[in-house]
Amino acid sequence: MTTPIHPASQLAVNVLDAHSLLAAFGVLGVGVAMFAETGLLVGFFLPGDSLLFTAGLLCTGSAEGGVHLSLGPLLVAAAAGALAGAQCGYLLGRKAGGALLARSGSQRLQEGAKRAEELLERYGHAKAIVLARFVPVVRTVLNPMAGALEVPVRAFTLWQIIGGLVWSLGLTLAGYALGSSIPNVDHYLLPLVALIIFVSLLPLAAEVYRARRNARPEGGRR
C-alpha cells in the first residue's frame, strides 16, 4: 500500500528530489511526473530516471524512511504516464509545434528543435524515438518536435510505446530487483542512480561515436 499523503509533506516537497516526490505523492506522483516530463516542455527538470528507480526500490520495503509503494499499481502508473505523456507531447507538437517554433524567440527551444530534427534524420524515426527515452531533456523535447516535424503517427506511436515500456518498466523493476536482493540498498542510492543515468546515455553516445567515425574518412578526403 502507498503511504498516506500528509498536507505538511506536500508543502515541503522538493520536485527535484525523487524520494521527496514519492513521500509526498506516492504512486500517483509517479504517473503525473512521467506525463509532465515526457509530454510537457515545462517538465524537463523532473528526475525521471531516479524517480522510477527509487520508486521500484521503495516497493521492497527495505529502504528506510517509512515510504512503501505497491509494485503493481506503480508499474501501471509509470507506464501509463510515460506513454500518455509522449503521445500528448506529439499531438501538441503536431497541432501547434510549427507555429510555436516560428513565433518563439527562445534560443534554447530553437536549438532543441534543431537537435531533435538532426537526431530523427540521422538515426531514423524508430531508433531516435527509442533512444530519446533514455536521455534527460531529450525525451522531453523530442516528442513535440516529432509532431511538429510530421513524423508519421503510426511510426511514432509504435516506437514510443516500445521505448516507453522498456524505459519506465525497466528502471522500476531494476530498482525493485536491487532492493529485494541487497540489504539497506538505499544507502547507495545516489551512486546507483548516477550509474543508471550513465548507462542510459551509452547507446546514444555509441551512436554519435559511430556516426562521427563513419563520417571521418569522407571529411579527410580531398
Protein backbone atom coordinates (compact mmCIF):
# COMPACT_ATOMS: atom_id res chain seq x y z
CA MET A 1 0.00 0.00 0.00
CA THR A 2 1.03 3.59 -0.57
CA THR A 3 1.97 5.72 2.42
CA PRO A 4 -0.79 8.22 3.33
CA ILE A 5 -0.26 11.72 1.98
CA HIS A 6 0.03 14.42 4.62
CA PRO A 7 -0.54 18.12 3.82
CA ALA A 8 2.71 19.09 5.54
CA SER A 9 4.72 16.75 3.29
CA GLN A 10 3.10 18.26 0.20
CA LEU A 11 4.12 21.74 1.25
CA ALA A 12 7.69 20.64 1.87
CA VAL A 13 8.08 18.57 -1.29
CA ASN A 14 11.21 19.07 -3.37
CA VAL A 15 10.29 18.38 -7.01
CA LEU A 16 13.96 17.82 -7.86
CA ASP A 17 14.31 15.02 -5.29
CA ALA A 18 12.81 11.63 -6.15
CA HIS A 19 12.39 10.48 -2.54
CA SER A 20 10.66 13.73 -1.59
CA LEU A 21 8.22 13.41 -4.51
CA LEU A 22 7.42 9.82 -3.63
CA ALA A 23 6.98 10.55 0.07
CA ALA A 24 4.51 13.34 -0.73
CA PHE A 25 2.52 11.91 -3.63
CA GLY A 26 3.24 8.17 -3.85
CA VAL A 27 2.28 6.18 -6.93
CA LEU A 28 0.07 8.98 -8.25
CA GLY A 29 3.07 11.30 -8.27
CA VAL A 30 5.00 8.88 -10.46
CA GLY A 31 2.29 8.84 -13.12
CA VAL A 32 1.91 12.62 -13.10
CA ALA A 33 5.69 13.19 -13.20
CA MET A 34 6.10 10.78 -16.12
CA PHE A 35 3.34 12.55 -18.02
CA ALA A 36 4.76 16.01 -17.34
CA GLU A 37 8.35 15.07 -18.21
CA THR A 38 7.52 13.35 -21.47
CA GLY A 39 4.50 15.37 -22.59
CA LEU A 40 5.00 18.95 -21.42
CA LEU A 41 8.07 21.05 -22.15
CA VAL A 42 7.87 22.53 -18.64
CA GLY A 43 8.58 19.09 -17.15
CA PHE A 44 12.13 18.75 -18.46
CA PHE A 45 13.62 19.32 -14.98
CA LEU A 46 11.85 16.39 -13.31
CA PRO A 47 14.06 13.47 -12.13
CA GLY A 48 12.59 10.77 -14.35
CA ASP A 49 15.34 8.12 -14.16
CA SER A 50 15.95 8.45 -10.44
CA LEU A 51 12.21 8.68 -9.72
CA LEU A 52 11.48 5.36 -11.43
CA PHE A 53 14.44 3.60 -9.86
CA THR A 54 13.72 4.94 -6.36
CA ALA A 55 10.04 4.08 -6.66
CA GLY A 56 10.92 0.48 -7.53
CA LEU A 57 13.29 0.36 -4.60
CA LEU A 58 10.60 1.59 -2.21
CA CYS A 59 8.32 -1.28 -3.26
CA THR A 60 10.59 -3.73 -1.44
CA GLY A 61 10.19 -2.17 2.00
CA SER A 62 13.96 -2.39 2.51
CA ALA A 63 14.55 1.36 2.38
CA GLU A 64 14.45 3.49 5.49
CA GLY A 65 12.11 6.43 5.95
CA GLY A 66 8.70 4.70 6.15
CA VAL A 67 7.72 5.11 2.48
CA HIS A 68 6.41 1.94 0.87
CA LEU A 69 4.78 1.56 -2.55
CA SER A 70 2.94 -1.32 -4.21
CA LEU A 71 4.70 -2.71 -7.27
CA GLY A 72 1.63 -3.48 -9.40
CA PRO A 73 -0.01 -0.03 -9.23
CA LEU A 74 3.42 1.57 -9.59
CA LEU A 75 4.16 -0.24 -12.86
CA VAL A 76 0.76 0.74 -14.24
CA ALA A 77 1.18 4.39 -13.22
CA ALA A 78 4.73 4.64 -14.58
CA ALA A 79 3.87 3.08 -17.93
CA ALA A 80 0.59 4.97 -18.33
CA GLY A 81 2.20 8.32 -17.53
CA ALA A 82 5.17 7.73 -19.84
CA LEU A 83 3.07 6.54 -22.78
CA ALA A 84 0.26 9.08 -22.43
CA GLY A 85 2.73 11.91 -21.91
CA ALA A 86 4.74 11.13 -25.03
CA GLN A 87 1.60 10.80 -27.16
CA CYS A 88 0.23 14.07 -25.76
CA GLY A 89 3.52 15.84 -26.50
CA TYR A 90 3.46 14.51 -30.05
CA LEU A 91 -0.13 15.66 -30.63
CA LEU A 92 0.59 19.10 -29.20
CA GLY A 93 3.60 19.40 -31.49
CA ARG A 94 1.57 18.25 -34.47
CA LYS A 95 -1.20 20.76 -33.77
CA ALA A 96 0.82 23.81 -32.82
CA GLY A 97 4.51 22.91 -32.92
CA GLY A 98 5.29 24.61 -36.22
CA ALA A 99 3.57 27.85 -35.25
CA LEU A 100 5.15 27.85 -31.82
CA LEU A 101 8.62 27.36 -33.27
CA ALA A 102 8.10 30.07 -35.86
CA ARG A 103 6.99 32.59 -33.24
CA SER A 104 9.25 31.55 -30.41
CA GLY A 105 12.18 33.78 -29.56
CA SER A 106 13.69 31.17 -27.25
CA GLN A 107 17.16 30.24 -28.46
CA ARG A 108 17.12 27.11 -26.31
CA LEU A 109 13.89 25.93 -27.90
CA GLN A 110 15.22 26.57 -31.39
CA GLU A 111 18.41 24.69 -30.60
CA GLY A 112 16.39 21.84 -29.13
CA ALA A 113 14.27 21.67 -32.26
CA LYS A 114 17.38 21.57 -34.42
CA ARG A 115 18.92 18.76 -32.35
CA ALA A 116 15.68 16.79 -32.45
CA GLU A 117 15.46 17.18 -36.22
CA GLU A 118 19.08 16.08 -36.65
CA LEU A 119 18.51 13.09 -34.36
CA LEU A 120 15.46 12.00 -36.32
CA GLU A 121 17.19 12.44 -39.68
CA ARG A 122 20.44 10.77 -38.66
CA TYR A 123 19.10 7.71 -36.85
CA GLY A 124 15.63 7.32 -38.33
CA HIS A 125 12.33 7.52 -36.53
CA ALA A 126 12.49 4.20 -34.69
CA LYS A 127 15.98 4.47 -33.23
CA ALA A 128 15.70 8.18 -32.38
CA ILE A 129 12.38 7.79 -30.56
CA VAL A 130 13.57 4.81 -28.51
CA LEU A 131 16.98 6.30 -27.69
CA ALA A 132 15.44 9.61 -26.64
CA ARG A 133 13.63 7.89 -23.77
CA PHE A 134 16.93 7.29 -22.00
CA VAL A 135 18.36 10.81 -22.31
CA PRO A 136 17.19 13.50 -19.86
CA VAL A 137 15.70 16.63 -21.51
CA VAL A 138 15.89 14.98 -24.95
CA ARG A 139 12.98 12.70 -24.00
CA THR A 140 11.01 15.86 -23.19
CA VAL A 141 11.84 17.79 -26.36
CA LEU A 142 11.73 15.06 -28.99
CA ASN A 143 8.05 14.15 -28.63
CA PRO A 144 6.57 17.56 -29.53
CA MET A 145 9.34 18.06 -32.10
CA ALA A 146 8.40 14.75 -33.74
CA GLY A 147 4.86 16.04 -34.06
CA ALA A 148 5.98 19.39 -35.43
CA LEU A 149 8.24 17.64 -37.95
CA GLU A 150 5.29 15.45 -39.01
CA VAL A 151 6.74 12.06 -38.11
CA PRO A 152 4.01 9.55 -39.17
CA VAL A 153 1.65 8.97 -36.25
CA ARG A 154 1.73 5.18 -36.59
CA ALA A 155 5.52 5.03 -36.54
CA PHE A 156 5.74 7.43 -33.60
CA THR A 157 3.09 5.60 -31.60
CA LEU A 158 4.65 2.19 -32.14
CA TRP A 159 8.19 3.19 -31.19
CA GLN A 160 7.26 5.49 -28.33
CA ILE A 161 5.28 2.60 -26.79
CA ILE A 162 8.24 0.24 -27.15
CA GLY A 163 10.74 2.77 -25.83
CA GLY A 164 8.37 3.96 -23.10
CA LEU A 165 7.71 0.48 -21.75
CA VAL A 166 11.37 -0.52 -21.79
CA TRP A 167 12.35 2.72 -20.03
CA SER A 168 9.60 3.02 -17.43
CA LEU A 169 9.20 -0.64 -16.53
CA GLY A 170 12.90 -1.45 -16.89
CA LEU A 171 14.12 1.18 -14.45
CA THR A 172 11.31 0.48 -11.98
CA LEU A 173 11.98 -3.26 -11.98
CA ALA A 174 15.74 -2.64 -11.71
CA GLY A 175 15.14 -0.69 -8.51
CA TYR A 176 12.83 -3.39 -7.20
CA ALA A 177 15.30 -6.17 -8.03
CA LEU A 178 18.20 -4.44 -6.30
CA GLY A 179 16.08 -3.54 -3.30
CA SER A 180 14.98 -7.15 -2.96
CA SER A 181 18.48 -8.61 -3.17
CA ILE A 182 20.69 -6.07 -1.34
CA PRO A 183 20.01 -5.13 2.31
CA ASN A 184 19.96 -1.37 3.02
CA VAL A 185 20.48 -0.64 -0.68
CA ASP A 186 19.05 2.86 -0.15
CA HIS A 187 22.39 3.79 1.46
CA TYR A 188 23.92 3.50 -2.01
CA LEU A 189 21.06 5.20 -3.87
CA LEU A 190 22.93 8.25 -5.19
CA PRO A 191 25.82 6.33 -6.81
CA LEU A 192 23.35 3.78 -8.19
CA VAL A 193 21.22 6.49 -9.78
CA ALA A 194 24.34 8.11 -11.24
CA LEU A 195 25.36 4.74 -12.68
CA ILE A 196 21.92 4.22 -14.22
CA ILE A 197 21.98 7.63 -15.87
CA PHE A 198 25.49 6.95 -17.20
CA VAL A 199 24.45 3.57 -18.61
CA SER A 200 21.32 5.07 -20.17
CA LEU A 201 23.48 7.54 -22.08
CA LEU A 202 25.75 4.84 -23.53
CA PRO A 203 23.52 3.85 -26.50
CA LEU A 204 23.27 7.45 -27.70
CA ALA A 205 26.99 8.05 -27.12
CA ALA A 206 27.79 4.90 -29.10
CA GLU A 207 25.60 6.06 -31.99
CA VAL A 208 27.23 9.52 -32.02
CA TYR A 209 30.71 7.99 -31.96
CA ARG A 210 29.80 5.57 -34.77
CA ALA A 211 28.37 8.38 -36.91
CA ARG A 212 31.46 10.54 -36.42
CA ARG A 213 33.80 7.64 -37.17
CA ASN A 214 31.93 6.83 -40.37
CA ALA A 215 31.97 10.49 -41.44
CA ARG A 216 35.68 11.00 -40.69
CA PRO A 217 37.10 9.33 -43.85
CA GLU A 218 34.81 11.41 -46.04
CA GLY A 219 35.93 14.62 -44.35
CA GLY A 220 39.56 13.62 -44.67
CA ARG A 221 39.43 13.00 -48.40
CA ARG A 222 40.26 15.82 -50.77
